[in-house]
Amino acid sequence: MTDKGAVYALAALKRKRADLAGEIDNIGNRMADMITELAHLDASIKLFEQPMSRSRSSRRHFEFPTTGRSAARCKAG
């Protein structure tokens, strides 16, 4: 290979390396953005799940104490 050929080959290799490094950097940035977006989605999901779990716990059936009296008699007085 001539000196001129080596110069072109070296330039092509450096350009290819720069392209790959830039692509890796872009992928890393995109991945960081996706991780942030995922965290926001998780937080949003939790916000919507909380009222459902609260409403379920507030709808618990009240049970009268077992004193031998029926529920109808307890309500009546």
PDB file of N, CA and C in Angstrom:
ATOM      1  N   MET A   1       0.849  -1.168   0.000  1.00  0.00           N
ATOM      2  CA  MET A   1       0.000   0.000   0.000  1.00  0.00           C
ATOM      3  C   MET A   1       0.893   1.230   0.000  1.00  0.00           C
ATOM      4  N   THR A   2       0.520   2.173  -0.773  1.00  0.00           N
ATOM      5  CA  THR A   2       1.303   3.405  -0.840  1.00  0.00           C
ATOM      6  C   THR A   2       1.000   4.280   0.364  1.00  0.00           C
ATOM      7  N   ASP A   3       1.819   5.280   0.540  1.00  0.00           N
ATOM      8  CA  ASP A   3       1.586   6.223   1.644  1.00  0.00           C
ATOM      9  C   ASP A   3       0.242   6.916   1.488  1.00  0.00           C
ATOM     10  N   LYS A   4      -0.116   7.236   0.241  1.00  0.00           N
ATOM     11  CA  LYS A   4      -1.393   7.898  -0.023  1.00  0.00           C
ATOM     12  C   LYS A   4      -2.561   6.952   0.312  1.00  0.00           C
ATOM     13  N   GLY A   5      -2.403   5.687  -0.032  1.00  0.00           N
ATOM     14  CA  GLY A   5      -3.440   4.692   0.281  1.00  0.00           C
ATOM     15  C   GLY A   5      -3.601   4.509   1.767  1.00  0.00           C
ATOM     16  N   ALA A   6      -2.478   4.512   2.490  1.00  0.00           N
ATOM     17  CA  ALA A   6      -2.526   4.367   3.943  1.00  0.00           C
ATOM     18  C   ALA A   6      -3.227   5.564   4.578  1.00  0.00           C
ATOM     19  N   VAL A   7      -2.997   6.744   4.022  1.00  0.00           N
ATOM     20  CA  VAL A   7      -3.631   7.957   4.548  1.00  0.00           C
ATOM     21  C   VAL A   7      -5.146   7.854   4.368  1.00  0.00           C
ATOM     22  N   TYR A   8      -5.608   7.408   3.185  1.00  0.00           N
ATOM     23  CA  TYR A   8      -7.042   7.255   2.919  1.00  0.00           C
ATOM     24  C   TYR A   8      -7.653   6.164   3.799  1.00  0.00           C
ATOM     25  N   ALA A   9      -6.946   5.061   3.949  1.00  0.00           N
ATOM     26  CA  ALA A   9      -7.440   3.965   4.778  1.00  0.00           C
ATOM     27  C   ALA A   9      -7.571   4.410   6.229  1.00  0.00           C
ATOM     28  N   LEU A  10      -6.546   5.131   6.722  1.00  0.00           N
ATOM     29  CA  LEU A  10      -6.578   5.614   8.095  1.00  0.00           C
ATOM     30  C   LEU A  10      -7.726   6.605   8.288  1.00  0.00           C
ATOM     31  N   ALA A  11      -7.934   7.489   7.323  1.00  0.00           N
ATOM     32  CA  ALA A  11      -9.033   8.457   7.403  1.00  0.00           C
ATOM     33  C   ALA A  11     -10.382   7.740   7.410  1.00  0.00           C
ATOM     34  N   ALA A  12     -10.525   6.709   6.582  1.00  0.00           N
ATOM     35  CA  ALA A  12     -11.778   5.950   6.535  1.00  0.00           C
ATOM     36  C   ALA A  12     -12.018   5.222   7.852  1.00  0.00           C
ATOM     37  N   LEU A  13     -10.982   4.642   8.424  1.00  0.00           N
ATOM     38  CA  LEU A  13     -11.116   3.941   9.700  1.00  0.00           C
ATOM     39  C   LEU A  13     -11.500   4.905  10.825  1.00  0.00           C
ATOM     40  N   LYS A  14     -10.874   6.083  10.838  1.00  0.00           N
ATOM     41  CA  LYS A  14     -11.193   7.091  11.861  1.00  0.00           C
ATOM     42  C   LYS A  14     -12.626   7.595  11.707  1.00  0.00           C
ATOM     43  N   ARG A  15     -13.065   7.787  10.460  1.00  0.00           N
ATOM     44  CA  ARG A  15     -14.427   8.236  10.202  1.00  0.00           C
ATOM     45  C   ARG A  15     -15.429   7.175  10.674  1.00  0.00           C
ATOM     46  N   LYS A  16     -15.138   5.904  10.361  1.00  0.00           N
ATOM     47  CA  LYS A  16     -16.002   4.809  10.787  1.00  0.00           C
ATOM     48  C   LYS A  16     -16.065   4.725  12.309  1.00  0.00           C
ATOM     49  N   ARG A  17     -14.907   4.910  12.951  1.00  0.00           N
ATOM     50  CA  ARG A  17     -14.865   4.874  14.412  1.00  0.00           C
ATOM     51  C   ARG A  17     -15.680   6.016  15.006  1.00  0.00           C
ATOM     52  N   ALA A  18     -15.552   7.211  14.443  1.00  0.00           N
ATOM     53  CA  ALA A  18     -16.312   8.369  14.916  1.00  0.00           C
ATOM     54  C   ALA A  18     -17.813   8.138  14.741  1.00  0.00           C
ATOM     55  N   ASP A  19     -18.197   7.545  13.596  1.00  0.00           N
ATOM     56  CA  ASP A  19     -19.610   7.243  13.363  1.00  0.00           C
ATOM     57  C   ASP A  19     -20.150   6.285  14.425  1.00  0.00           C
ATOM     58  N   LEU A  20     -19.399   5.234  14.702  1.00  0.00           N
ATOM     59  CA  LEU A  20     -19.832   4.254  15.709  1.00  0.00           C
ATOM     60  C   LEU A  20     -19.895   4.871  17.107  1.00  0.00           C
ATOM     61  N   ALA A  21     -18.890   5.688  17.433  1.00  0.00           N
ATOM     62  CA  ALA A  21     -18.875   6.338  18.745  1.00  0.00           C
ATOM     63  C   ALA A  21     -20.084   7.268  18.885  1.00  0.00           C
ATOM     64  N   GLY A  22     -20.390   7.997  17.824  1.00  0.00           N
ATOM     65  CA  GLY A  22     -21.557   8.880  17.846  1.00  0.00           C
ATOM     66  C   GLY A  22     -22.851   8.102  17.981  1.00  0.00           C
ATOM     67  N   GLU A  23     -22.942   6.990  17.288  1.00  0.00           N
ATOM     68  CA  GLU A  23     -24.127   6.148  17.365  1.00  0.00           C
ATOM     69  C   GLU A  23     -24.306   5.575  18.774  1.00  0.00           C
ATOM     70  N   ILE A  24     -23.207   5.134  19.380  1.00  0.00           N
ATOM     71  CA  ILE A  24     -23.259   4.617  20.755  1.00  0.00           C
ATOM     72  C   ILE A  24     -23.707   5.717  21.708  1.00  0.00           C
ATOM     73  N   ASP A  25     -23.208   6.922  21.519  1.00  0.00           N
ATOM     74  CA  ASP A  25     -23.594   8.053  22.352  1.00  0.00           C
ATOM     75  C   ASP A  25     -25.089   8.345  22.200  1.00  0.00           C
ATOM     76  N   ASN A  26     -25.573   8.332  20.961  1.00  0.00           N
ATOM     77  CA  ASN A  26     -27.000   8.570  20.720  1.00  0.00           C
ATOM     78  C   ASN A  26     -27.866   7.492  21.360  1.00  0.00           C
ATOM     79  N   ILE A  27     -27.426   6.246  21.254  1.00  0.00           N
ATOM     80  CA  ILE A  27     -28.171   5.140  21.856  1.00  0.00           C
ATOM     81  C   ILE A  27     -28.195   5.291  23.377  1.00  0.00           C
ATOM     82  N   GLY A  28     -27.065   5.688  23.952  1.00  0.00           N
ATOM     83  CA  GLY A  28     -27.003   5.910  25.401  1.00  0.00           C
ATOM     84  C   GLY A  28     -27.949   7.012  25.837  1.00  0.00           C
ATOM     85  N   ASN A  29     -27.994   8.103  25.073  1.00  0.00           N
ATOM     86  CA  ASN A  29     -28.906   9.200  25.389  1.00  0.00           C
ATOM     87  C   ASN A  29     -30.357   8.754  25.254  1.00  0.00           C
ATOM     88  N   ARG A  30     -30.643   8.021  24.195  1.00  0.00           N
ATOM     89  CA  ARG A  30     -32.011   7.525  23.973  1.00  0.00           C
ATOM     90  C   ARG A  30     -32.411   6.568  25.104  1.00  0.00           C
ATOM     91  N   MET A  31     -31.482   5.750  25.522  1.00  0.00           N
ATOM     92  CA  MET A  31     -31.768   4.801  26.606  1.00  0.00           C
ATOM     93  C   MET A  31     -32.063   5.557  27.903  1.00  0.00           C
ATOM     94  N   ALA A  32     -31.291   6.595  28.190  1.00  0.00           N
ATOM     95  CA  ALA A  32     -31.534   7.407  29.386  1.00  0.00           C
ATOM     96  C   ALA A  32     -32.919   8.048  29.309  1.00  0.00           C
ATOM     97  N   ASP A  33     -33.299   8.550  28.138  1.00  0.00           N
ATOM     98  CA  ASP A  33     -34.628   9.142  27.952  1.00  0.00           C
ATOM     99  C   ASP A  33     -35.724   8.096  28.173  1.00  0.00           C
ATOM    100  N   MET A  34     -35.496   6.901  27.673  1.00  0.00           N
ATOM    101  CA  MET A  34     -36.487   5.838  27.815  1.00  0.00           C
ATOM    102  C   MET A  34     -36.630   5.419  29.281  1.00  0.00           C
ATOM    103  N   ILE A  35     -35.524   5.383  30.019  1.00  0.00           N
ATOM    104  CA  ILE A  35     -35.567   5.038  31.437  1.00  0.00           C
ATOM    105  C   ILE A  35     -36.357   6.089  32.215  1.00  0.00           C
ATOM    106  N   THR A  36     -36.137   7.364  31.880  1.00  0.00           N
ATOM    107  CA  THR A  36     -36.883   8.450  32.513  1.00  0.00           C
ATOM    108  C   THR A  36     -38.362   8.338  32.186  1.00  0.00           C
ATOM    109  N   GLU A  37     -38.673   8.077  30.928  1.00  0.00           N
ATOM    110  CA  GLU A  37     -40.065   7.925  30.510  1.00  0.00           C
ATOM    111  C   GLU A  37     -40.731   6.743  31.220  1.00  0.00           C
ATOM    112  N   LEU A  38     -39.997   5.659  31.382  1.00  0.00           N
ATOM    113  CA  LEU A  38     -40.510   4.491  32.077  1.00  0.00           C
ATOM    114  C   LEU A  38     -40.818   4.815  33.538  1.00  0.00           C
ATOM    115  N   ALA A  39     -39.951   5.572  34.168  1.00  0.00           N
ATOM    116  CA  ALA A  39     -40.176   5.966  35.566  1.00  0.00           C
ATOM    117  C   ALA A  39     -41.428   6.830  35.684  1.00  0.00           C
ATOM    118  N   HIS A  40     -41.633   7.737  34.725  1.00  0.00           N
ATOM    119  CA  HIS A  40     -42.829   8.572  34.743  1.00  0.00           C
ATOM    120  C   HIS A  40     -44.092   7.740  34.525  1.00  0.00           C
ATOM    121  N   LEU A  41     -44.022   6.766  33.644  1.00  0.00           N
ATOM    122  CA  LEU A  41     -45.169   5.888  33.430  1.00  0.00           C
ATOM    123  C   LEU A  41     -45.480   5.078  34.682  1.00  0.00           C
ATOM    124  N   ASP A  42     -44.442   4.568  35.340  1.00  0.00           N
ATOM    125  CA  ASP A  42     -44.646   3.821  36.580  1.00  0.00           C
ATOM    126  C   ASP A  42     -45.315   4.689  37.639  1.00  0.00           C
ATOM    127  N   ALA A  43     -44.874   5.946  37.754  1.00  0.00           N
ATOM    128  CA  ALA A  43     -45.468   6.856  38.732  1.00  0.00           C
ATOM    129  C   ALA A  43     -46.927   7.144  38.385  1.00  0.00           C
ATOM    130  N   SER A  44     -47.217   7.309  37.103  1.00  0.00           N
ATOM    131  CA  SER A  44     -48.599   7.550  36.674  1.00  0.00           C
ATOM    132  C   SER A  44     -49.478   6.346  36.963  1.00  0.00           C
ATOM    133  N   ILE A  45     -48.971   5.165  36.731  1.00  0.00           N
ATOM    134  CA  ILE A  45     -49.721   3.942  37.011  1.00  0.00           C
ATOM    135  C   ILE A  45     -50.038   3.863  38.503  1.00  0.00           C
ATOM    136  N   LYS A  46     -49.076   4.200  39.347  1.00  0.00           N
ATOM    137  CA  LYS A  46     -49.308   4.161  40.793  1.00  0.00           C
ATOM    138  C   LYS A  46     -50.392   5.147  41.201  1.00  0.00           C
ATOM    139  N   LEU A  47     -50.415   6.321  40.558  1.00  0.00           N
ATOM    140  CA  LEU A  47     -51.445   7.309  40.878  1.00  0.00           C
ATOM    141  C   LEU A  47     -52.836   6.775  40.572  1.00  0.00           C
ATOM    142  N   PHE A  48     -52.974   6.062  39.479  1.00  0.00           N
ATOM    143  CA  PHE A  48     -54.272   5.527  39.112  1.00  0.00           C
ATOM    144  C   PHE A  48     -54.633   4.287  39.924  1.00  0.00           C
ATOM    145  N   GLU A  49     -53.661   3.557  40.396  1.00  0.00           N
ATOM    146  CA  GLU A  49     -53.934   2.363  41.186  1.00  0.00           C
ATOM    147  C   GLU A  49     -54.328   2.701  42.614  1.00  0.00           C
ATOM    148  N   GLN A  50     -53.820   3.783  43.180  1.00  0.00           N
ATOM    149  CA  GLN A  50     -54.090   4.123  44.574  1.00  0.00           C
ATOM    150  C   GLN A  50     -55.570   4.352  44.860  1.00  0.00           C
ATOM    151  N   PRO A  51     -56.288   5.148  44.070  1.00  0.00           N
ATOM    152  CA  PRO A  51     -57.709   5.340  44.388  1.00  0.00           C
ATOM    153  C   PRO A  51     -58.497   4.037  44.339  1.00  0.00           C
ATOM    154  N   MET A  52     -58.132   3.134  43.450  1.00  0.00           N
ATOM    155  CA  MET A  52     -58.838   1.865  43.357  1.00  0.00           C
ATOM    156  C   MET A  52     -58.640   1.062  44.630  1.00  0.00           C
ATOM    157  N   SER A  53     -57.428   1.024  45.138  1.00  0.00           N
ATOM    158  CA  SER A  53     -57.178   0.238  46.348  1.00  0.00           C
ATOM    159  C   SER A  53     -57.824   0.905  47.560  1.00  0.00           C
ATOM    160  N   ARG A  54     -57.889   2.234  47.592  1.00  0.00           N
ATOM    161  CA  ARG A  54     -58.550   2.925  48.696  1.00  0.00           C
ATOM    162  C   ARG A  54     -60.050   2.660  48.676  1.00  0.00           C
ATOM    163  N   SER A  55     -60.647   2.715  47.491  1.00  0.00           N
ATOM    164  CA  SER A  55     -62.087   2.512  47.415  1.00  0.00           C
ATOM    165  C   SER A  55     -62.434   1.074  47.792  1.00  0.00           C
ATOM    166  N   ARG A  56     -61.596   0.145  47.469  1.00  0.00           N
ATOM    167  CA  ARG A  56     -61.854  -1.244  47.852  1.00  0.00           C
ATOM    168  C   ARG A  56     -61.793  -1.397  49.365  1.00  0.00           C
ATOM    169  N   SER A  57     -60.805  -0.764  49.989  1.00  0.00           N
ATOM    170  CA  SER A  57     -60.669  -0.917  51.434  1.00  0.00           C
ATOM    171  C   SER A  57     -61.783  -0.171  52.163  1.00  0.00           C
ATOM    172  N   SER A  58     -62.318   0.909  51.590  1.00  0.00           N
ATOM    173  CA  SER A  58     -63.381   1.644  52.252  1.00  0.00           C
ATOM    174  C   SER A  58     -64.732   0.959  52.082  1.00  0.00           C
ATOM    175  N   ARG A  59     -64.833   0.003  51.170  1.00  0.00           N
ATOM    176  CA  ARG A  59     -66.088  -0.714  50.941  1.00  0.00           C
ATOM    177  C   ARG A  59     -66.138  -2.042  51.696  1.00  0.00           C
ATOM    178  N   ARG A  60     -65.306  -2.193  52.666  1.00  0.00           N
ATOM    179  CA  ARG A  60     -65.317  -3.441  53.412  1.00  0.00           C
ATOM    180  C   ARG A  60     -66.660  -3.623  54.099  1.00  0.00           C
ATOM    181  N   HIS A  61     -67.094  -4.819  54.094  1.00  0.00           N
ATOM    182  CA  HIS A  61     -68.382  -5.140  54.694  1.00  0.00           C
ATOM    183  C   HIS A  61     -68.266  -5.067  56.214  1.00  0.00           C
ATOM    184  N   PHE A  62     -69.199  -4.349  56.813  1.00  0.00           N
ATOM    185  CA  PHE A  62     -69.209  -4.273  58.269  1.00  0.00           C
ATOM    186  C   PHE A  62     -69.882  -5.523  58.816  1.00  0.00           C
ATOM    187  N   GLU A  63     -69.243  -6.153  59.752  1.00  0.00           N
ATOM    188  CA  GLU A  63     -69.825  -7.337  60.369  1.00  0.00           C
ATOM    189  C   GLU A  63     -70.178  -7.001  61.806  1.00  0.00           C
ATOM    190  N   PHE A  64     -71.387  -7.367  62.165  1.00  0.00           N
ATOM    191  CA  PHE A  64     -71.819  -7.138  63.536  1.00  0.00           C
ATOM    192  C   PHE A  64     -71.083  -8.069  64.470  1.00  0.00           C
ATOM    193  N   PRO A  65     -70.852  -7.637  65.681  1.00  0.00           N
ATOM    194  CA  PRO A  65     -70.218  -8.518  66.650  1.00  0.00           C
ATOM    195  C   PRO A  65     -71.090  -9.741  66.905  1.00  0.00           C
ATOM    196  N   THR A  66     -70.484 -10.833  67.148  1.00  0.00           N
ATOM    197  CA  THR A  66     -71.240 -12.069  67.379  1.00  0.00           C
ATOM    198  C   THR A  66     -71.639 -12.132  68.844  1.00  0.00           C
ATOM    199  N   THR A  67     -72.860 -11.664  69.098  1.00  0.00           N
ATOM    200  CA  THR A  67     -73.372 -11.684  70.475  1.00  0.00           C
ATOM    201  C   THR A  67     -74.583 -12.583  70.591  1.00  0.00           C
ATOM    202  N   GLY A  68     -74.877 -13.326  69.517  1.00  0.00           N
ATOM    203  CA  GLY A  68     -76.037 -14.191  69.560  1.00  0.00           C
ATOM    204  C   GLY A  68     -77.265 -13.530  68.982  1.00  0.00           C
ATOM    205  N   ARG A  69     -77.207 -12.222  68.741  1.00  0.00           N
ATOM    206  CA  ARG A  69     -78.344 -11.514  68.170  1.00  0.00           C
ATOM    207  C   ARG A  69     -78.207 -11.499  66.656  1.00  0.00           C
ATOM    208  N   SER A  70     -79.270 -11.532  65.958  1.00  0.00           N
ATOM    209  CA  SER A  70     -79.216 -11.494  64.499  1.00  0.00           C
ATOM    210  C   SER A  70     -78.962 -10.067  64.038  1.00  0.00           C
ATOM    211  N   ALA A  71     -78.519  -9.916  62.798  1.00  0.00           N
ATOM    212  CA  ALA A  71     -78.251  -8.595  62.234  1.00  0.00           C
ATOM    213  C   ALA A  71     -79.510  -7.773  62.175  1.00  0.00           C
ATOM    214  N   ALA A  72     -80.649  -8.366  61.884  1.00  0.00           N
ATOM    215  CA  ALA A  72     -81.903  -7.633  61.797  1.00  0.00           C
ATOM    216  C   ALA A  72     -82.274  -7.060  63.168  1.00  0.00           C
ATOM    217  N   ARG A  73     -82.066  -7.819  64.192  1.00  0.00           N
ATOM    218  CA  ARG A  73     -82.405  -7.355  65.526  1.00  0.00           C
ATOM    219  C   ARG A  73     -81.454  -6.255  65.974  1.00  0.00           C
ATOM    220  N   CYS A  74     -80.190  -6.305  65.524  1.00  0.00           N
ATOM    221  CA  CYS A  74     -79.227  -5.272  65.875  1.00  0.00           C
ATOM    222  C   CYS A  74     -79.599  -3.953  65.228  1.00  0.00           C
ATOM    223  N   LYS A  75     -80.057  -4.029  63.970  1.00  0.00           N
ATOM    224  CA  LYS A  75     -80.440  -2.822  63.256  1.00  0.00           C
ATOM    225  C   LYS A  75     -81.697  -2.217  63.866  1.00  0.00           C
ATOM    226  N   ALA A  76     -82.587  -3.057  64.314  1.00  0.00           N
ATOM    227  CA  ALA A  76     -83.848  -2.571  64.851  1.00  0.00           C
ATOM    228  C   ALA A  76     -83.655  -1.928  66.222  1.00  0.00           C
ATOM    229  N   GLY A  77     -82.703  -2.332  66.889  1.00  0.00           N
ATOM    230  CA  GLY A  77     -82.510  -1.631  68.118  1.00  0.00           C
ATOM    231  C   GLY A  77     -82.112  -2.460  69.234  1.00  0.00           C
TER     232      GLY A  77
END
